[in-house]
Structure formats: structure tokens, C-alpha cells
Protein backbone atom coordinates (compact mmCIF):
# COMPACT_ATOMS: atom_id res chain seq x y z
CA MET A 1 2.71 21.93 27.34
CA THR A 2 3.54 22.04 23.44
CA VAL A 3 5.02 19.36 21.16
CA SER A 4 8.00 20.64 19.78
CA ALA A 5 9.48 18.97 16.04
CA PRO A 6 12.35 17.13 18.07
CA VAL A 7 10.48 14.38 20.47
CA PHE A 8 10.57 11.71 19.08
CA HIS A 9 8.22 9.45 18.50
CA ASP A 10 8.34 7.14 20.86
CA GLU A 11 7.41 9.70 22.98
CA LEU A 12 4.90 10.74 20.96
CA VAL A 13 3.05 7.35 21.40
CA ALA A 14 4.21 7.26 25.15
CA ARG A 15 2.89 11.10 25.58
CA CYS A 16 -0.52 9.68 23.76
CA LYS A 17 -1.04 6.71 26.13
CA LEU A 18 -0.75 8.98 28.97
CA GLY A 19 -3.78 11.00 27.00
CA ASP A 20 -2.22 14.09 25.99
CA PRO A 21 -4.77 15.57 22.81
CA GLN A 22 -1.74 17.42 21.69
CA SER A 23 0.52 14.30 21.29
CA TYR A 24 -2.30 12.95 19.46
CA SER A 25 -2.67 15.64 17.04
CA ALA A 26 1.17 15.70 16.38
CA LEU A 27 0.99 11.95 15.74
CA TYR A 28 -1.49 12.19 13.53
CA HIS A 29 -0.17 15.33 11.58
CA ARG A 30 3.26 13.25 11.10
CA TYR A 31 1.86 10.43 9.21
CA ALA A 32 -1.34 11.15 8.03
CA VAL A 33 0.10 12.30 4.28
CA PRO A 34 2.59 9.15 3.97
CA MET A 35 -0.25 6.81 5.20
CA PHE A 36 -2.95 8.71 2.85
CA ASN A 37 -0.43 8.03 -0.24
CA THR A 38 -0.12 4.88 1.12
CA SER A 39 -3.98 3.84 1.00
CA LEU A 40 -4.51 5.73 -2.53
CA ARG A 41 -2.06 3.40 -4.52
CA ILE A 42 -3.60 0.80 -3.09
CA VAL A 43 -7.22 1.96 -3.25
CA ASN A 44 -6.67 4.23 -6.76
CA ASN A 45 -9.53 6.70 -5.28
CA ARG A 46 -9.38 10.15 -3.04
CA SER A 47 -12.63 9.75 -1.21
CA ASP A 48 -11.48 6.25 0.07
CA ALA A 49 -8.08 6.44 0.49
CA GLU A 50 -9.53 9.24 2.87
CA ASP A 51 -12.08 7.13 4.74
CA VAL A 52 -9.43 4.21 5.02
CA LEU A 53 -6.72 7.00 7.02
CA GLN A 54 -9.55 8.53 9.19
CA GLU A 55 -10.35 4.54 10.00
CA ALA A 56 -7.12 3.57 10.85
CA PHE A 57 -6.21 6.14 13.19
CA THR A 58 -9.13 6.30 14.79
CA SER A 59 -8.26 2.64 15.55
CA ALA A 60 -4.82 3.01 15.94
CA PHE A 61 -5.75 5.29 18.57
CA GLN A 62 -8.09 2.65 20.03
CA TYR A 63 -5.60 0.21 20.34
CA LEU A 64 -2.65 2.19 21.13
CA ALA A 65 -2.21 0.14 24.72
CA ASP A 66 -1.80 -2.75 22.88
CA PHE A 67 1.52 -1.07 20.76
CA ASP A 68 4.16 -2.69 21.96
CA TYR A 69 6.87 -0.82 20.62
CA SER A 70 8.09 -4.53 18.44
CA SER A 71 8.27 -2.27 15.81
CA THR A 72 8.16 1.79 14.93
CA PHE A 73 4.61 3.21 15.41
CA GLY A 74 4.90 4.33 11.61
CA ALA A 75 5.06 0.62 10.77
CA TRP A 76 2.63 -0.56 12.78
CA LEU A 77 0.34 2.11 11.59
CA LYS A 78 1.58 1.43 7.89
CA ARG A 79 0.42 -2.79 8.43
CA ILE A 80 -3.07 -1.25 9.42
CA VAL A 81 -3.59 0.94 6.44
CA ILE A 82 -2.67 -1.34 4.30
CA ASN A 83 -4.90 -4.11 6.00
CA ARG A 84 -8.19 -1.55 5.94
CA SER A 85 -7.24 -0.43 2.48
CA ILE A 86 -7.21 -4.32 1.30
CA ASP A 87 -10.32 -5.07 3.48
CA LEU A 88 -12.06 -2.08 1.56
CA LEU A 89 -11.30 -3.60 -1.60
CA ARG A 90 -12.38 -7.24 -0.49
CA ARG A 91 -15.51 -5.19 0.24
CA ARG A 92 -16.01 -4.48 -3.47
CA LYS A 93 -14.67 -7.87 -4.08
CA ALA A 94 -12.18 -6.09 -6.97
CA LEU A 95 -9.34 -7.68 -5.66
CA ILE A 96 -7.83 -10.99 -6.75
CA VAL A 97 -8.85 -14.24 -7.90
CA ASP A 98 -6.98 -17.23 -6.69
CA ILE A 99 -4.71 -18.47 -9.35
CA ASP A 100 -5.50 -22.36 -7.87
CA GLU A 101 -8.81 -21.42 -8.15
CA MET A 102 -8.56 -20.68 -12.11
CA GLU A 103 -7.29 -22.80 -15.65
CA LYS A 104 -3.61 -22.77 -15.15
CA TYR A 105 -2.05 -20.69 -17.28
CA SER A 106 0.71 -21.91 -19.81
CA GLU A 107 2.24 -18.60 -20.68
CA PRO A 108 5.64 -18.94 -18.69
CA VAL A 109 6.51 -15.31 -17.00
CA GLN A 110 8.84 -13.26 -18.37
CA GLU A 111 10.60 -9.94 -17.97
CA PRO A 112 10.88 -7.42 -19.66
CA GLU A 113 13.12 -7.68 -22.53
CA GLU A 114 13.17 -3.36 -22.67
CA ASP A 115 15.20 -1.21 -20.64
CA THR A 116 12.93 0.74 -19.10
CA SER A 117 15.49 3.10 -16.45
CA GLN A 118 14.92 5.71 -18.65
CA TRP A 119 10.45 6.44 -17.67
CA GLN A 120 10.13 8.96 -15.46
CA VAL A 121 8.47 8.34 -12.36
CA GLN A 122 5.46 10.06 -13.00
CA GLN A 123 4.54 8.19 -15.88
CA VAL A 124 5.30 4.93 -13.73
CA LYS A 125 3.08 6.06 -11.13
CA LYS A 126 0.68 7.27 -13.55
CA SER A 127 0.31 3.82 -15.59
CA VAL A 128 0.35 2.34 -12.07
CA SER A 129 -2.62 3.95 -10.84
CA GLY A 130 -4.00 2.96 -14.14
CA LEU A 131 -3.74 -0.50 -13.36
CA PRO A 132 -6.50 -3.26 -12.11
CA THR A 133 -7.34 -3.55 -8.81
CA GLY A 134 -5.70 -6.98 -8.54
CA TYR A 135 -2.55 -5.62 -10.59
CA ARG A 136 -2.47 -2.02 -8.64
CA THR A 137 -2.56 -3.78 -5.33
CA VAL A 138 -0.05 -6.10 -5.72
CA ILE A 139 2.77 -3.56 -7.44
CA THR A 140 2.00 -1.03 -4.63
CA LEU A 141 3.14 -3.94 -1.97
CA HIS A 142 5.57 -4.90 -3.54
CA LEU A 143 7.16 -2.26 -5.53
CA PHE A 144 6.24 0.50 -3.16
CA GLU A 145 5.59 -0.59 0.70
CA GLY A 146 8.99 -3.80 0.48
CA TYR A 147 6.55 -6.64 0.63
CA ASP A 148 7.64 -9.85 -0.19
CA TYR A 149 5.65 -12.10 -1.75
CA ALA A 150 4.53 -14.44 1.41
CA GLU A 151 3.47 -11.52 3.36
CA ILE A 152 1.72 -10.03 0.48
CA ALA A 153 -0.40 -13.39 -0.30
CA THR A 154 -0.96 -13.50 3.86
CA MET A 155 -2.37 -9.76 3.77
CA MET A 156 -4.72 -10.61 0.70
CA GLY A 157 -5.49 -14.01 1.56
CA VAL A 158 -4.50 -15.51 -1.54
CA SER A 159 -1.50 -18.08 -2.41
CA GLU A 160 2.29 -17.17 -3.09
CA VAL A 161 2.10 -18.45 -6.55
CA THR A 162 -1.10 -16.25 -7.00
CA VAL A 163 0.60 -13.00 -5.72
CA ARG A 164 3.97 -13.99 -8.06
CA THR A 165 1.29 -14.08 -10.84
CA GLN A 166 -0.10 -10.91 -10.47
CA TYR A 167 3.22 -9.36 -9.87
CA HIS A 168 4.61 -10.70 -13.34
CA ARG A 169 1.46 -10.07 -15.33
CA ALA A 170 1.11 -6.29 -13.91
CA ARG A 171 4.69 -5.69 -14.12
CA LYS A 172 4.05 -6.70 -18.11
CA LYS A 173 0.85 -4.83 -17.81
CA LEU A 174 2.80 -1.82 -16.47
CA VAL A 175 5.33 -2.07 -19.33
CA GLU A 176 3.20 -2.34 -21.87
CA MET A 177 0.98 0.90 -20.48
CA ILE A 178 3.99 3.11 -20.95
CA ARG A 179 5.26 1.91 -23.62
CA LYS A 180 2.19 2.93 -25.43
CA GLU A 181 2.30 6.14 -23.29
CA VAL A 182 5.87 6.84 -24.69
CA GLN A 183 4.96 6.29 -28.18
CA ASN A 184 2.29 8.61 -28.12
CA GLU A 185 4.23 11.25 -26.78
CA ARG A 186 6.48 11.17 -29.66
């Protein structure tokens, strides 16, 4: 039996739970590209993102029996991909440092004053990939993946204050990078 396009994702998961190899393949092909892109935005390295993708699918398929349909398969898999990506960064010890352990900064967090709506999406993506690892991770999880500060803090094992500070610093750095790029284009 071949798996056709209109098959619902829950049905694919159910077929996978029954051991259908074509369903495993269909599920992989359905989610591979978006999950790769999610990991790539966090780890900022194609080879590492490919490794994370393979590890995430291996883990997801290994523990598929534990998937209880309380969320979508895609959301469940994305959480695995994000956790694997963060684990990779932790192994490299390149993640952010908890602000509570550092000296308190005295500079108040301010939003950028310039209207950034005219910037091209590609400029923003390119600039995000040039951010330091901790900044890039927080920006990616908050802006692109839609996680709130508390969720990011839990995933990264730091305080919510640290995440907020990293986000605002990352955003400030991102604005500076884009401004510089826009000025260089003129």
C-alpha cells in the first residue's frame, strides 16, 4: 500500500506505530525540511543541523509509542529538534551565561528607535546568522519559533531575566548589524 498526499499526519503516526516503513518515510519527508531549518537557525552550521535532524528523527521514531497525540506530531518533533540543537550548543559550551552569575549591567534595555519595517527579510535572516550563538539562539526561539521567555529559559536552563536580557541585547546587535549593512549598500 502506498501513502498518498491527503493522508492526515495523525494517521501517518498511527501507521508508523504499526511498523509501516512507507509511513516512516512519508513522515520523515513531510517534516525533514522545516525541522532542518529550525535546527540550522539555532546551530548556524549545515553539517550540525543535519546531524541534529538525524538524531531527532531517530529519537522520535524510537519513542513514537510514547507520543500521545496531546499535541501535533510536528510540535512534538520540533521540541525534540530544538532540545537536540540546544544540547549540541551546550556540548560546545557556547551557550549564554546566566546573568545572575555575572555582574549586573546598568544600561537600561531600550527598544530600537528606527523603524525597521523596511528591512528585507533576507537581510534580517543573514544578520541573525551572524549573531553570537547565545543571541542567535534566543532570537530564533522567540521570534521564529514563537516560544515565550519562560519557555526559552526552561529549555536553556537559565533564568527568565537572562533570556530577556539576551533577547534585548541580541535585538540591539541585530539592528546595528542591519543598519551597517544598509549603509554599506548605499
